[in-house]
Amino acid sequence: MAKRGGIGLGLAEPELKVQYIVEGGPAAEAQAFDVGDKLVAVDDTDVHLMRLKDVATLIVGEEGTQVAITVEKIITAERKTIILTRRGAGTKASEMPNPPPPEPERPASPPKAIFVENPTFDPPPGHQFPPSFGWTTYTVTIECATEEAEIRYSVDGSPPTRERPGTMYAGGGIQVSGTMTIYATAMVYTDSATYTSDAIRATYSIADPPPQPSTPPESP
Protein backbone atom coordinates (compact mmCIF):
# COMPACT_ATOMS: atom_id res chain seq x y z
CA MET A 1 0.00 0.00 0.00
CA ALA A 2 1.39 3.44 -0.91
CA LYS A 3 2.57 5.62 1.97
CA ARG A 4 0.54 8.75 2.68
CA GLY A 5 2.08 12.18 3.03
CA GLY A 6 1.21 15.81 3.68
CA ILE A 7 2.87 19.23 3.36
CA GLY A 8 3.52 20.29 6.95
CA LEU A 9 0.98 23.09 7.34
CA GLY A 10 -1.25 23.55 10.40
CA LEU A 11 -4.57 25.22 9.56
CA ALA A 12 -7.29 26.64 11.76
CA GLU A 13 -11.01 27.09 11.18
CA PRO A 14 -13.13 28.92 10.26
CA GLU A 15 -11.00 30.83 7.73
CA LEU A 16 -8.45 28.07 7.08
CA LYS A 17 -5.59 30.31 8.13
CA VAL A 18 -2.04 28.99 8.56
CA GLN A 19 -1.58 28.47 12.33
CA TYR A 20 1.87 26.90 12.25
CA ILE A 21 4.46 25.56 9.78
CA VAL A 22 6.14 22.24 10.56
CA GLU A 23 9.91 22.66 10.66
CA GLY A 24 11.63 20.55 8.01
CA GLY A 25 8.38 19.88 6.17
CA PRO A 26 7.65 20.65 2.49
CA ALA A 27 5.88 23.95 3.32
CA ALA A 28 8.78 25.15 5.48
CA GLU A 29 11.36 24.23 2.83
CA ALA A 30 9.41 26.19 0.21
CA GLN A 31 9.84 29.36 2.35
CA ALA A 32 6.65 30.73 0.80
CA PHE A 33 4.20 30.59 3.72
CA ASP A 34 3.59 32.86 6.69
CA VAL A 35 1.44 32.32 9.77
CA GLY A 36 -1.87 34.03 9.05
CA ASP A 37 -1.92 33.25 5.32
CA LYS A 38 -5.40 32.12 4.26
CA LEU A 39 -5.82 28.90 2.24
CA VAL A 40 -7.84 29.58 -0.90
CA ALA A 41 -7.53 26.49 -3.13
CA VAL A 42 -6.01 23.02 -3.33
CA ASP A 43 -5.16 22.15 -6.90
CA ASP A 44 -8.22 23.36 -8.83
CA THR A 45 -10.66 23.10 -5.89
CA ASP A 46 -11.87 26.30 -4.17
CA VAL A 47 -11.84 25.52 -0.44
CA HIS A 48 -12.93 28.75 1.26
CA LEU A 49 -16.36 27.28 2.15
CA MET A 50 -15.12 23.80 3.07
CA ARG A 51 -14.59 22.24 6.50
CA LEU A 52 -11.02 21.62 7.60
CA LYS A 53 -11.47 17.84 7.65
CA ASP A 54 -12.58 17.90 4.02
CA VAL A 55 -9.69 20.16 3.01
CA ALA A 56 -7.28 17.76 4.69
CA THR A 57 -8.45 14.95 2.39
CA LEU A 58 -7.40 17.11 -0.59
CA ILE A 59 -4.02 18.02 0.83
CA VAL A 60 -2.97 14.57 2.07
CA GLY A 61 -2.18 12.03 -0.64
CA GLU A 62 0.30 9.50 -1.86
CA GLU A 63 3.82 10.33 -0.78
CA GLY A 64 5.92 11.74 -3.61
CA THR A 65 2.98 13.24 -5.53
CA GLN A 66 2.58 16.97 -6.04
CA VAL A 67 -0.18 19.31 -4.88
CA ALA A 68 -0.81 22.97 -5.72
CA ILE A 69 -1.58 25.14 -2.68
CA THR A 70 -3.02 28.63 -3.25
CA VAL A 71 -3.00 31.09 -0.37
CA GLU A 72 -3.96 34.71 0.15
CA LYS A 73 -0.94 36.39 1.71
CA ILE A 74 -1.60 38.04 5.06
CA ILE A 75 0.52 41.13 4.32
CA THR A 76 -0.20 41.91 0.67
CA ALA A 77 -3.57 40.09 0.19
CA GLU A 78 -2.25 38.83 -3.16
CA ARG A 79 -2.87 35.23 -4.14
CA LYS A 80 0.09 32.93 -4.58
CA THR A 81 0.22 29.31 -5.74
CA ILE A 82 3.00 27.04 -4.50
CA ILE A 83 3.65 23.51 -5.82
CA LEU A 84 4.67 21.13 -3.01
CA THR A 85 5.61 17.45 -2.97
CA ARG A 86 3.76 15.43 -0.34
CA ARG A 87 5.97 13.77 2.25
CA GLY A 88 5.28 11.45 5.16
CA ALA A 89 6.09 12.36 8.75
CA GLY A 90 9.73 11.63 9.52
CA THR A 91 10.75 11.35 5.86
CA LYS A 92 13.54 13.67 4.80
CA ALA A 93 13.57 15.35 1.43
CA SER A 94 16.80 13.53 0.56
CA GLU A 95 15.03 10.22 1.13
CA MET A 96 12.22 10.99 -1.30
CA PRO A 97 12.30 9.07 -4.61
CA ASN A 98 12.76 11.18 -7.68
CA PRO A 99 9.45 11.83 -9.45
CA PRO A 100 9.12 10.01 -12.77
CA PRO A 101 10.16 12.08 -15.78
CA PRO A 102 7.30 13.51 -17.82
CA GLU A 103 6.27 11.43 -20.77
CA PRO A 104 7.52 12.88 -24.06
CA GLU A 105 4.87 14.39 -26.25
CA ARG A 106 3.97 12.13 -29.09
CA PRO A 107 3.69 13.72 -32.52
CA ALA A 108 0.15 13.92 -33.76
CA SER A 109 -0.76 11.17 -36.17
CA PRO A 110 -1.40 12.32 -39.72
CA PRO A 111 -5.07 12.21 -40.72
CA LYS A 112 -6.14 8.92 -42.23
CA ALA A 113 -6.77 9.11 -45.96
CA ILE A 114 -10.38 8.61 -47.06
CA PHE A 115 -11.13 6.34 -50.01
CA VAL A 116 -13.80 7.82 -52.27
CA GLU A 117 -15.74 5.52 -54.58
CA ASN A 118 -16.01 6.48 -58.24
CA PRO A 119 -19.35 7.94 -59.31
CA THR A 120 -21.67 5.82 -61.47
CA PHE A 121 -23.98 6.89 -64.26
CA ASP A 122 -27.47 5.73 -65.17
CA PRO A 123 -27.82 4.88 -68.00
CA PRO A 124 -24.20 3.72 -68.31
CA PRO A 125 -21.65 5.63 -70.43
CA GLY A 126 -21.97 5.15 -74.17
CA HIS A 127 -25.75 4.82 -74.12
CA GLN A 128 -27.64 6.08 -77.16
CA PHE A 129 -31.15 7.35 -76.59
CA PRO A 130 -33.87 6.73 -79.19
CA PRO A 131 -34.83 9.56 -81.51
CA SER A 132 -36.49 12.53 -79.93
CA PHE A 133 -39.38 14.13 -81.77
CA GLY A 134 -39.46 17.34 -79.79
CA TRP A 135 -41.65 16.25 -76.91
CA THR A 136 -39.26 13.72 -75.34
CA THR A 137 -36.47 14.67 -72.91
CA TYR A 138 -33.70 12.38 -71.70
CA THR A 139 -31.75 12.67 -68.43
CA VAL A 140 -28.67 11.04 -66.92
CA THR A 141 -28.39 10.53 -63.15
CA ILE A 142 -25.17 10.20 -61.12
CA GLU A 143 -24.62 8.40 -57.82
CA CYS A 144 -21.71 7.65 -55.46
CA ALA A 145 -21.48 4.84 -52.90
CA THR A 146 -19.42 7.02 -50.52
CA GLU A 147 -22.17 8.51 -48.38
CA GLU A 148 -20.42 11.74 -47.36
CA ALA A 149 -19.15 12.47 -50.88
CA GLU A 150 -20.29 15.43 -52.94
CA ILE A 151 -20.56 14.82 -56.69
CA ARG A 152 -19.16 17.50 -59.00
CA TYR A 153 -19.65 17.40 -62.78
CA SER A 154 -18.82 19.34 -65.91
CA VAL A 155 -19.91 19.30 -69.54
CA ASP A 156 -17.22 21.59 -70.96
CA GLY A 157 -14.72 18.83 -71.73
CA SER A 158 -12.54 19.26 -68.61
CA PRO A 159 -12.97 16.96 -65.59
CA PRO A 160 -13.70 18.48 -62.15
CA THR A 161 -10.64 18.83 -59.88
CA ARG A 162 -9.86 20.29 -56.44
CA GLU A 163 -8.86 23.54 -58.10
CA ARG A 164 -11.70 23.60 -60.67
CA PRO A 165 -14.53 21.67 -59.00
CA GLY A 166 -17.14 22.26 -61.69
CA THR A 167 -20.84 22.15 -60.80
CA MET A 168 -22.31 20.42 -57.76
CA TYR A 169 -24.73 17.63 -58.73
CA ALA A 170 -27.88 18.19 -56.70
CA GLY A 171 -29.88 15.25 -58.06
CA GLY A 172 -32.72 15.21 -60.50
CA GLY A 173 -30.56 14.27 -63.49
CA ILE A 174 -28.71 16.09 -66.26
CA GLN A 175 -30.68 16.69 -69.43
CA VAL A 176 -29.21 15.30 -72.66
CA SER A 177 -30.10 17.24 -75.78
CA GLY A 178 -27.68 15.71 -78.28
CA THR A 179 -24.24 14.18 -78.32
CA MET A 180 -22.87 15.10 -74.92
CA THR A 181 -19.86 14.21 -72.72
CA ILE A 182 -20.16 14.45 -68.93
CA TYR A 183 -17.26 14.25 -66.48
CA ALA A 184 -18.02 13.47 -62.83
CA THR A 185 -15.78 13.37 -59.74
CA ALA A 186 -16.83 12.53 -56.17
CA MET A 187 -15.21 14.65 -53.45
CA VAL A 188 -15.06 14.41 -49.64
CA TYR A 189 -14.11 17.60 -47.78
CA THR A 190 -12.43 17.56 -44.34
CA ASP A 191 -10.81 20.27 -42.22
CA SER A 192 -7.35 19.24 -43.41
CA ALA A 193 -7.78 17.91 -46.96
CA THR A 194 -10.04 17.19 -49.92
CA TYR A 195 -10.23 13.58 -51.08
CA THR A 196 -11.40 12.76 -54.62
CA SER A 197 -12.35 9.80 -56.72
CA ASP A 198 -11.23 9.27 -60.29
CA ALA A 199 -12.81 11.55 -62.88
CA ILE A 200 -15.30 9.39 -64.79
CA ARG A 201 -16.16 10.24 -68.39
CA ALA A 202 -19.50 9.36 -69.92
CA THR A 203 -20.62 10.18 -73.49
CA TYR A 204 -24.25 10.03 -74.63
CA SER A 205 -26.02 10.56 -77.90
CA ILE A 206 -29.52 10.63 -79.35
CA ALA A 207 -30.23 8.58 -82.44
CA ASP A 208 -31.29 10.38 -85.60
CA PRO A 209 -34.95 9.99 -86.54
CA PRO A 210 -35.58 7.51 -89.36
CA PRO A 211 -35.83 9.03 -92.86
CA GLN A 212 -39.34 9.96 -93.94
CA PRO A 213 -40.66 7.89 -96.89
CA SER A 214 -40.74 9.87 -100.09
CA THR A 215 -44.19 10.74 -101.50
CA PRO A 216 -44.71 9.47 -105.04
CA PRO A 217 -45.71 12.14 -107.53
CA GLU A 218 -49.39 12.40 -108.27
CA SER A 219 -50.58 11.23 -111.68
CA PRO A 220 -51.96 13.96 -113.97
C-alpha atoms as a PDB file:
ATOM      1  CA  MET A   1       0.000   0.000   0.000  1.00  0.00           C
ATOM      2  CA  ALA A   2       1.387   3.438  -0.911  1.00  0.00           C
ATOM      3  CA  LYS A   3       2.571   5.617   1.971  1.00  0.00           C
ATOM      4  CA  ARG A   4       0.543   8.746   2.684  1.00  0.00           C
ATOM      5  CA  GLY A   5       2.083  12.180   3.033  1.00  0.00           C
ATOM      6  CA  GLY A   6       1.207  15.810   3.679  1.00  0.00           C
ATOM      7  CA  ILE A   7       2.867  19.228   3.358  1.00  0.00           C
ATOM      8  CA  GLY A   8       3.515  20.291   6.955  1.00  0.00           C
ATOM      9  CA  LEU A   9       0.983  23.095   7.343  1.00  0.00           C
ATOM     10  CA  GLY A  10      -1.251  23.549  10.397  1.00  0.00           C
ATOM     11  CA  LEU A  11      -4.571  25.221   9.555  1.00  0.00           C
ATOM     12  CA  ALA A  12      -7.288  26.639  11.763  1.00  0.00           C
ATOM     13  CA  GLU A  13     -11.013  27.091  11.177  1.00  0.00           C
ATOM     14  CA  PRO A  14     -13.126  28.923  10.261  1.00  0.00           C
ATOM     15  CA  GLU A  15     -10.998  30.831   7.735  1.00  0.00           C
ATOM     16  CA  LEU A  16      -8.454  28.065   7.082  1.00  0.00           C
ATOM     17  CA  LYS A  17      -5.585  30.307   8.131  1.00  0.00           C
ATOM     18  CA  VAL A  18      -2.042  28.989   8.564  1.00  0.00           C
ATOM     19  CA  GLN A  19      -1.576  28.474  12.327  1.00  0.00           C
ATOM     20  CA  TYR A  20       1.870  26.903  12.248  1.00  0.00           C
ATOM     21  CA  ILE A  21       4.459  25.562   9.782  1.00  0.00           C
ATOM     22  CA  VAL A  22       6.142  22.238  10.561  1.00  0.00           C
ATOM     23  CA  GLU A  23       9.911  22.658  10.664  1.00  0.00           C
ATOM     24  CA  GLY A  24      11.633  20.550   8.011  1.00  0.00           C
ATOM     25  CA  GLY A  25       8.379  19.877   6.169  1.00  0.00           C
ATOM     26  CA  PRO A  26       7.649  20.653   2.490  1.00  0.00           C
ATOM     27  CA  ALA A  27       5.883  23.950   3.316  1.00  0.00           C
ATOM     28  CA  ALA A  28       8.783  25.147   5.479  1.00  0.00           C
ATOM     29  CA  GLU A  29      11.356  24.227   2.826  1.00  0.00           C
ATOM     30  CA  ALA A  30       9.409  26.193   0.209  1.00  0.00           C
ATOM     31  CA  GLN A  31       9.838  29.358   2.346  1.00  0.00           C
ATOM     32  CA  ALA A  32       6.652  30.726   0.802  1.00  0.00           C
ATOM     33  CA  PHE A  33       4.196  30.591   3.719  1.00  0.00           C
ATOM     34  CA  ASP A  34       3.589  32.858   6.692  1.00  0.00           C
ATOM     35  CA  VAL A  35       1.437  32.320   9.774  1.00  0.00           C
ATOM     36  CA  GLY A  36      -1.865  34.030   9.048  1.00  0.00           C
ATOM     37  CA  ASP A  37      -1.921  33.250   5.320  1.00  0.00           C
ATOM     38  CA  LYS A  38      -5.405  32.122   4.258  1.00  0.00           C
ATOM     39  CA  LEU A  39      -5.819  28.900   2.240  1.00  0.00           C
ATOM     40  CA  VAL A  40      -7.837  29.581  -0.902  1.00  0.00           C
ATOM     41  CA  ALA A  41      -7.533  26.490  -3.128  1.00  0.00           C
ATOM     42  CA  VAL A  42      -6.014  23.021  -3.327  1.00  0.00           C
ATOM     43  CA  ASP A  43      -5.156  22.148  -6.903  1.00  0.00           C
ATOM     44  CA  ASP A  44      -8.220  23.357  -8.828  1.00  0.00           C
ATOM     45  CA  THR A  45     -10.659  23.104  -5.888  1.00  0.00           C
ATOM     46  CA  ASP A  46     -11.873  26.297  -4.174  1.00  0.00           C
ATOM     47  CA  VAL A  47     -11.835  25.518  -0.443  1.00  0.00           C
ATOM     48  CA  HIS A  48     -12.933  28.748   1.260  1.00  0.00           C
ATOM     49  CA  LEU A  49     -16.362  27.280   2.147  1.00  0.00           C
ATOM     50  CA  MET A  50     -15.118  23.800   3.070  1.00  0.00           C
ATOM     51  CA  ARG A  51     -14.587  22.244   6.498  1.00  0.00           C
ATOM     52  CA  LEU A  52     -11.020  21.621   7.599  1.00  0.00           C
ATOM     53  CA  LYS A  53     -11.466  17.843   7.649  1.00  0.00           C
ATOM     54  CA  ASP A  54     -12.575  17.905   4.024  1.00  0.00           C
ATOM     55  CA  VAL A  55      -9.695  20.161   3.011  1.00  0.00           C
ATOM     56  CA  ALA A  56      -7.284  17.756   4.686  1.00  0.00           C
ATOM     57  CA  THR A  57      -8.449  14.946   2.388  1.00  0.00           C
ATOM     58  CA  LEU A  58      -7.404  17.113  -0.588  1.00  0.00           C
ATOM     59  CA  ILE A  59      -4.015  18.020   0.828  1.00  0.00           C
ATOM     60  CA  VAL A  60      -2.968  14.571   2.070  1.00  0.00           C
ATOM     61  CA  GLY A  61      -2.181  12.034  -0.635  1.00  0.00           C
ATOM     62  CA  GLU A  62       0.303   9.498  -1.864  1.00  0.00           C
ATOM     63  CA  GLU A  63       3.824  10.327  -0.776  1.00  0.00           C
ATOM     64  CA  GLY A  64       5.918  11.741  -3.606  1.00  0.00           C
ATOM     65  CA  THR A  65       2.982  13.244  -5.532  1.00  0.00           C
ATOM     66  CA  GLN A  66       2.575  16.969  -6.041  1.00  0.00           C
ATOM     67  CA  VAL A  67      -0.176  19.307  -4.879  1.00  0.00           C
ATOM     68  CA  ALA A  68      -0.808  22.971  -5.718  1.00  0.00           C
ATOM     69  CA  ILE A  69      -1.580  25.137  -2.685  1.00  0.00           C
ATOM     70  CA  THR A  70      -3.021  28.635  -3.255  1.00  0.00           C
ATOM     71  CA  VAL A  71      -3.004  31.089  -0.366  1.00  0.00           C
ATOM     72  CA  GLU A  72      -3.963  34.713   0.150  1.00  0.00           C
ATOM     73  CA  LYS A  73      -0.937  36.387   1.709  1.00  0.00           C
ATOM     74  CA  ILE A  74      -1.601  38.045   5.063  1.00  0.00           C
ATOM     75  CA  ILE A  75       0.524  41.125   4.324  1.00  0.00           C
ATOM     76  CA  THR A  76      -0.203  41.914   0.666  1.00  0.00           C
ATOM     77  CA  ALA A  77      -3.569  40.089   0.194  1.00  0.00           C
ATOM     78  CA  GLU A  78      -2.247  38.826  -3.155  1.00  0.00           C
ATOM     79  CA  ARG A  79      -2.872  35.235  -4.143  1.00  0.00           C
ATOM     80  CA  LYS A  80       0.091  32.930  -4.579  1.00  0.00           C
ATOM     81  CA  THR A  81       0.222  29.315  -5.739  1.00  0.00           C
ATOM     82  CA  ILE A  82       3.002  27.038  -4.504  1.00  0.00           C
ATOM     83  CA  ILE A  83       3.646  23.514  -5.823  1.00  0.00           C
ATOM     84  CA  LEU A  84       4.673  21.130  -3.010  1.00  0.00           C
ATOM     85  CA  THR A  85       5.611  17.453  -2.968  1.00  0.00           C
ATOM     86  CA  ARG A  86       3.759  15.430  -0.343  1.00  0.00           C
ATOM     87  CA  ARG A  87       5.968  13.774   2.251  1.00  0.00           C
ATOM     88  CA  GLY A  88       5.283  11.448   5.160  1.00  0.00           C
ATOM     89  CA  ALA A  89       6.089  12.361   8.750  1.00  0.00           C
ATOM     90  CA  GLY A  90       9.735  11.629   9.519  1.00  0.00           C
ATOM     91  CA  THR A  91      10.746  11.350   5.861  1.00  0.00           C
ATOM     92  CA  LYS A  92      13.544  13.668   4.804  1.00  0.00           C
ATOM     93  CA  ALA A  93      13.568  15.354   1.432  1.00  0.00           C
ATOM     94  CA  SER A  94      16.801  13.526   0.559  1.00  0.00           C
ATOM     95  CA  GLU A  95      15.027  10.218   1.128  1.00  0.00           C
ATOM     96  CA  MET A  96      12.221  10.985  -1.299  1.00  0.00           C
ATOM     97  CA  PRO A  97      12.304   9.074  -4.607  1.00  0.00           C
ATOM     98  CA  ASN A  98      12.762  11.180  -7.677  1.00  0.00           C
ATOM     99  CA  PRO A  99       9.451  11.825  -9.455  1.00  0.00           C
ATOM    100  CA  PRO A 100       9.122  10.008 -12.769  1.00  0.00           C
ATOM    101  CA  PRO A 101      10.163  12.082 -15.783  1.00  0.00           C
ATOM    102  CA  PRO A 102       7.299  13.507 -17.822  1.00  0.00           C
ATOM    103  CA  GLU A 103       6.266  11.432 -20.774  1.00  0.00           C
ATOM    104  CA  PRO A 104       7.523  12.881 -24.060  1.00  0.00           C
ATOM    105  CA  GLU A 105       4.870  14.388 -26.246  1.00  0.00           C
ATOM    106  CA  ARG A 106       3.975  12.132 -29.090  1.00  0.00           C
ATOM    107  CA  PRO A 107       3.685  13.715 -32.516  1.00  0.00           C
ATOM    108  CA  ALA A 108       0.155  13.920 -33.763  1.00  0.00           C
ATOM    109  CA  SER A 109      -0.757  11.168 -36.170  1.00  0.00           C
ATOM    110  CA  PRO A 110      -1.405  12.317 -39.724  1.00  0.00           C
ATOM    111  CA  PRO A 111      -5.070  12.213 -40.722  1.00  0.00           C
ATOM    112  CA  LYS A 112      -6.142   8.922 -42.231  1.00  0.00           C
ATOM    113  CA  ALA A 113      -6.773   9.110 -45.963  1.00  0.00           C
ATOM    114  CA  ILE A 114     -10.380   8.611 -47.062  1.00  0.00           C
ATOM    115  CA  PHE A 115     -11.134   6.345 -50.008  1.00  0.00           C
ATOM    116  CA  VAL A 116     -13.800   7.820 -52.274  1.00  0.00           C
ATOM    117  CA  GLU A 117     -15.743   5.521 -54.579  1.00  0.00           C
ATOM    118  CA  ASN A 118     -16.006   6.476 -58.239  1.00  0.00           C
ATOM    119  CA  PRO A 119     -19.346   7.944 -59.313  1.00  0.00           C
ATOM    120  CA  THR A 120     -21.665   5.820 -61.469  1.00  0.00           C
ATOM    121  CA  PHE A 121     -23.977   6.895 -64.264  1.00  0.00           C
ATOM    122  CA  ASP A 122     -27.473   5.733 -65.173  1.00  0.00           C
ATOM    123  CA  PRO A 123     -27.815   4.882 -67.997  1.00  0.00           C
ATOM    124  CA  PRO A 124     -24.198   3.720 -68.312  1.00  0.00           C
ATOM    125  CA  PRO A 125     -21.651   5.625 -70.429  1.00  0.00           C
ATOM    126  CA  GLY A 126     -21.965   5.147 -74.167  1.00  0.00           C
ATOM    127  CA  HIS A 127     -25.746   4.824 -74.123  1.00  0.00           C
ATOM    128  CA  GLN A 128     -27.637   6.079 -77.162  1.00  0.00           C
ATOM    129  CA  PHE A 129     -31.148   7.347 -76.590  1.00  0.00           C
ATOM    130  CA  PRO A 130     -33.867   6.728 -79.194  1.00  0.00           C
ATOM    131  CA  PRO A 131     -34.826   9.564 -81.515  1.00  0.00           C
ATOM    132  CA  SER A 132     -36.491  12.533 -79.929  1.00  0.00           C
ATOM    133  CA  PHE A 133     -39.382  14.129 -81.770  1.00  0.00           C
ATOM    134  CA  GLY A 134     -39.462  17.340 -79.792  1.00  0.00           C
ATOM    135  CA  TRP A 135     -41.650  16.251 -76.910  1.00  0.00           C
ATOM    136  CA  THR A 136     -39.261  13.719 -75.341  1.00  0.00           C
ATOM    137  CA  THR A 137     -36.468  14.668 -72.906  1.00  0.00           C
ATOM    138  CA  TYR A 138     -33.702  12.382 -71.702  1.00  0.00           C
ATOM    139  CA  THR A 139     -31.749  12.665 -68.431  1.00  0.00           C
ATOM    140  CA  VAL A 140     -28.666  11.044 -66.919  1.00  0.00           C
ATOM    141  CA  THR A 141     -28.388  10.528 -63.154  1.00  0.00           C
ATOM    142  CA  ILE A 142     -25.171  10.204 -61.122  1.00  0.00           C
ATOM    143  CA  GLU A 143     -24.620   8.404 -57.815  1.00  0.00           C
ATOM    144  CA  CYS A 144     -21.714   7.648 -55.463  1.00  0.00           C
ATOM    145  CA  ALA A 145     -21.477   4.841 -52.902  1.00  0.00           C
ATOM    146  CA  THR A 146     -19.421   7.021 -50.522  1.00  0.00           C
ATOM    147  CA  GLU A 147     -22.172   8.511 -48.383  1.00  0.00           C
ATOM    148  CA  GLU A 148     -20.416  11.742 -47.357  1.00  0.00           C
ATOM    149  CA  ALA A 149     -19.154  12.467 -50.879  1.00  0.00           C
ATOM    150  CA  GLU A 150     -20.293  15.435 -52.943  1.00  0.00           C
ATOM    151  CA  ILE A 151     -20.555  14.823 -56.690  1.00  0.00           C
ATOM    152  CA  ARG A 152     -19.161  17.499 -59.003  1.00  0.00           C
ATOM    153  CA  TYR A 153     -19.655  17.396 -62.781  1.00  0.00           C
ATOM    154  CA  SER A 154     -18.819  19.340 -65.909  1.00  0.00           C
ATOM    155  CA  VAL A 155     -19.912  19.299 -69.539  1.00  0.00           C
ATOM    156  CA  ASP A 156     -17.216  21.590 -70.958  1.00  0.00           C
ATOM    157  CA  GLY A 157     -14.725  18.829 -71.727  1.00  0.00           C
ATOM    158  CA  SER A 158     -12.540  19.260 -68.605  1.00  0.00           C
ATOM    159  CA  PRO A 159     -12.966  16.964 -65.591  1.00  0.00           C
ATOM    160  CA  PRO A 160     -13.702  18.484 -62.154  1.00  0.00           C
ATOM    161  CA  THR A 161     -10.639  18.830 -59.881  1.00  0.00           C
ATOM    162  CA  ARG A 162      -9.865  20.287 -56.441  1.00  0.00           C
ATOM    163  CA  GLU A 163      -8.855  23.541 -58.104  1.00  0.00           C
ATOM    164  CA  ARG A 164     -11.699  23.601 -60.672  1.00  0.00           C
ATOM    165  CA  PRO A 165     -14.525  21.666 -59.003  1.00  0.00           C
ATOM    166  CA  GLY A 166     -17.144  22.260 -61.688  1.00  0.00           C
ATOM    167  CA  THR A 167     -20.839  22.149 -60.800  1.00  0.00           C
ATOM    168  CA  MET A 168     -22.311  20.415 -57.763  1.00  0.00           C
ATOM    169  CA  TYR A 169     -24.726  17.634 -58.734  1.00  0.00           C
ATOM    170  CA  ALA A 170     -27.878  18.193 -56.700  1.00  0.00           C
ATOM    171  CA  GLY A 171     -29.877  15.252 -58.056  1.00  0.00           C
ATOM    172  CA  GLY A 172     -32.720  15.210 -60.503  1.00  0.00           C
ATOM    173  CA  GLY A 173     -30.560  14.273 -63.490  1.00  0.00           C
ATOM    174  CA  ILE A 174     -28.710  16.090 -66.263  1.00  0.00           C
ATOM    175  CA  GLN A 175     -30.679  16.695 -69.434  1.00  0.00           C
ATOM    176  CA  VAL A 176     -29.211  15.304 -72.661  1.00  0.00           C
ATOM    177  CA  SER A 177     -30.099  17.236 -75.782  1.00  0.00           C
ATOM    178  CA  GLY A 178     -27.684  15.707 -78.278  1.00  0.00           C
ATOM    179  CA  THR A 179     -24.237  14.181 -78.319  1.00  0.00           C
ATOM    180  CA  MET A 180     -22.868  15.103 -74.922  1.00  0.00           C
ATOM    181  CA  THR A 181     -19.862  14.209 -72.722  1.00  0.00           C
ATOM    182  CA  ILE A 182     -20.164  14.452 -68.933  1.00  0.00           C
ATOM    183  CA  TYR A 183     -17.263  14.253 -66.478  1.00  0.00           C
ATOM    184  CA  ALA A 184     -18.020  13.465 -62.832  1.00  0.00           C
ATOM    185  CA  THR A 185     -15.778  13.372 -59.742  1.00  0.00           C
ATOM    186  CA  ALA A 186     -16.833  12.527 -56.168  1.00  0.00           C
ATOM    187  CA  MET A 187     -15.206  14.653 -53.445  1.00  0.00           C
ATOM    188  CA  VAL A 188     -15.056  14.415 -49.639  1.00  0.00           C
ATOM    189  CA  TYR A 189     -14.115  17.603 -47.785  1.00  0.00           C
ATOM    190  CA  THR A 190     -12.432  17.564 -44.336  1.00  0.00           C
ATOM    191  CA  ASP A 191     -10.808  20.269 -42.220  1.00  0.00           C
ATOM    192  CA  SER A 192      -7.346  19.243 -43.415  1.00  0.00           C
ATOM    193  CA  ALA A 193      -7.775  17.905 -46.958  1.00  0.00           C
ATOM    194  CA  THR A 194     -10.044  17.188 -49.916  1.00  0.00           C
ATOM    195  CA  TYR A 195     -10.230  13.580 -51.082  1.00  0.00           C
ATOM    196  CA  THR A 196     -11.397  12.760 -54.617  1.00  0.00           C
ATOM    197  CA  SER A 197     -12.353   9.800 -56.723  1.00  0.00           C
ATOM    198  CA  ASP A 198     -11.231   9.269 -60.290  1.00  0.00           C
ATOM    199  CA  ALA A 199     -12.807  11.549 -62.884  1.00  0.00           C
ATOM    200  CA  ILE A 200     -15.295   9.386 -64.788  1.00  0.00           C
ATOM    201  CA  ARG A 201     -16.160  10.241 -68.388  1.00  0.00           C
ATOM    202  CA  ALA A 202     -19.504   9.356 -69.925  1.00  0.00           C
ATOM    203  CA  THR A 203     -20.619  10.176 -73.488  1.00  0.00           C
ATOM    204  CA  TYR A 204     -24.249  10.029 -74.627  1.00  0.00           C
ATOM    205  CA  SER A 205     -26.018  10.561 -77.901  1.00  0.00           C
ATOM    206  CA  ILE A 206     -29.517  10.626 -79.350  1.00  0.00           C
ATOM    207  CA  ALA A 207     -30.232   8.583 -82.442  1.00  0.00           C
ATOM    208  CA  ASP A 208     -31.294  10.378 -85.601  1.00  0.00           C
ATOM    209  CA  PRO A 209     -34.946   9.988 -86.543  1.00  0.00           C
ATOM    210  CA  PRO A 210     -35.580   7.514 -89.359  1.00  0.00           C
ATOM    211  CA  PRO A 211     -35.832   9.035 -92.862  1.00  0.00           C
ATOM    212  CA  GLN A 212     -39.343   9.958 -93.944  1.00  0.00           C
ATOM    213  CA  PRO A 213     -40.655   7.887 -96.887  1.00  0.00           C
ATOM    214  CA  SER A 214     -40.743   9.867-100.092  1.00  0.00           C
ATOM    215  CA  THR A 215     -44.193  10.739-101.495  1.00  0.00           C
ATOM    216  CA  PRO A 216     -44.705   9.468-105.040  1.00  0.00           C
ATOM    217  CA  PRO A 217     -45.710  12.139-107.534  1.00  0.00           C
ATOM    218  CA  GLU A 218     -49.395  12.397-108.268  1.00  0.00           C
ATOM    219  CA  SER A 219     -50.577  11.228-111.682  1.00  0.00           C
ATOM    220  CA  PRO A 220     -51.964  13.964-113.967  1.00  0.00           C
END
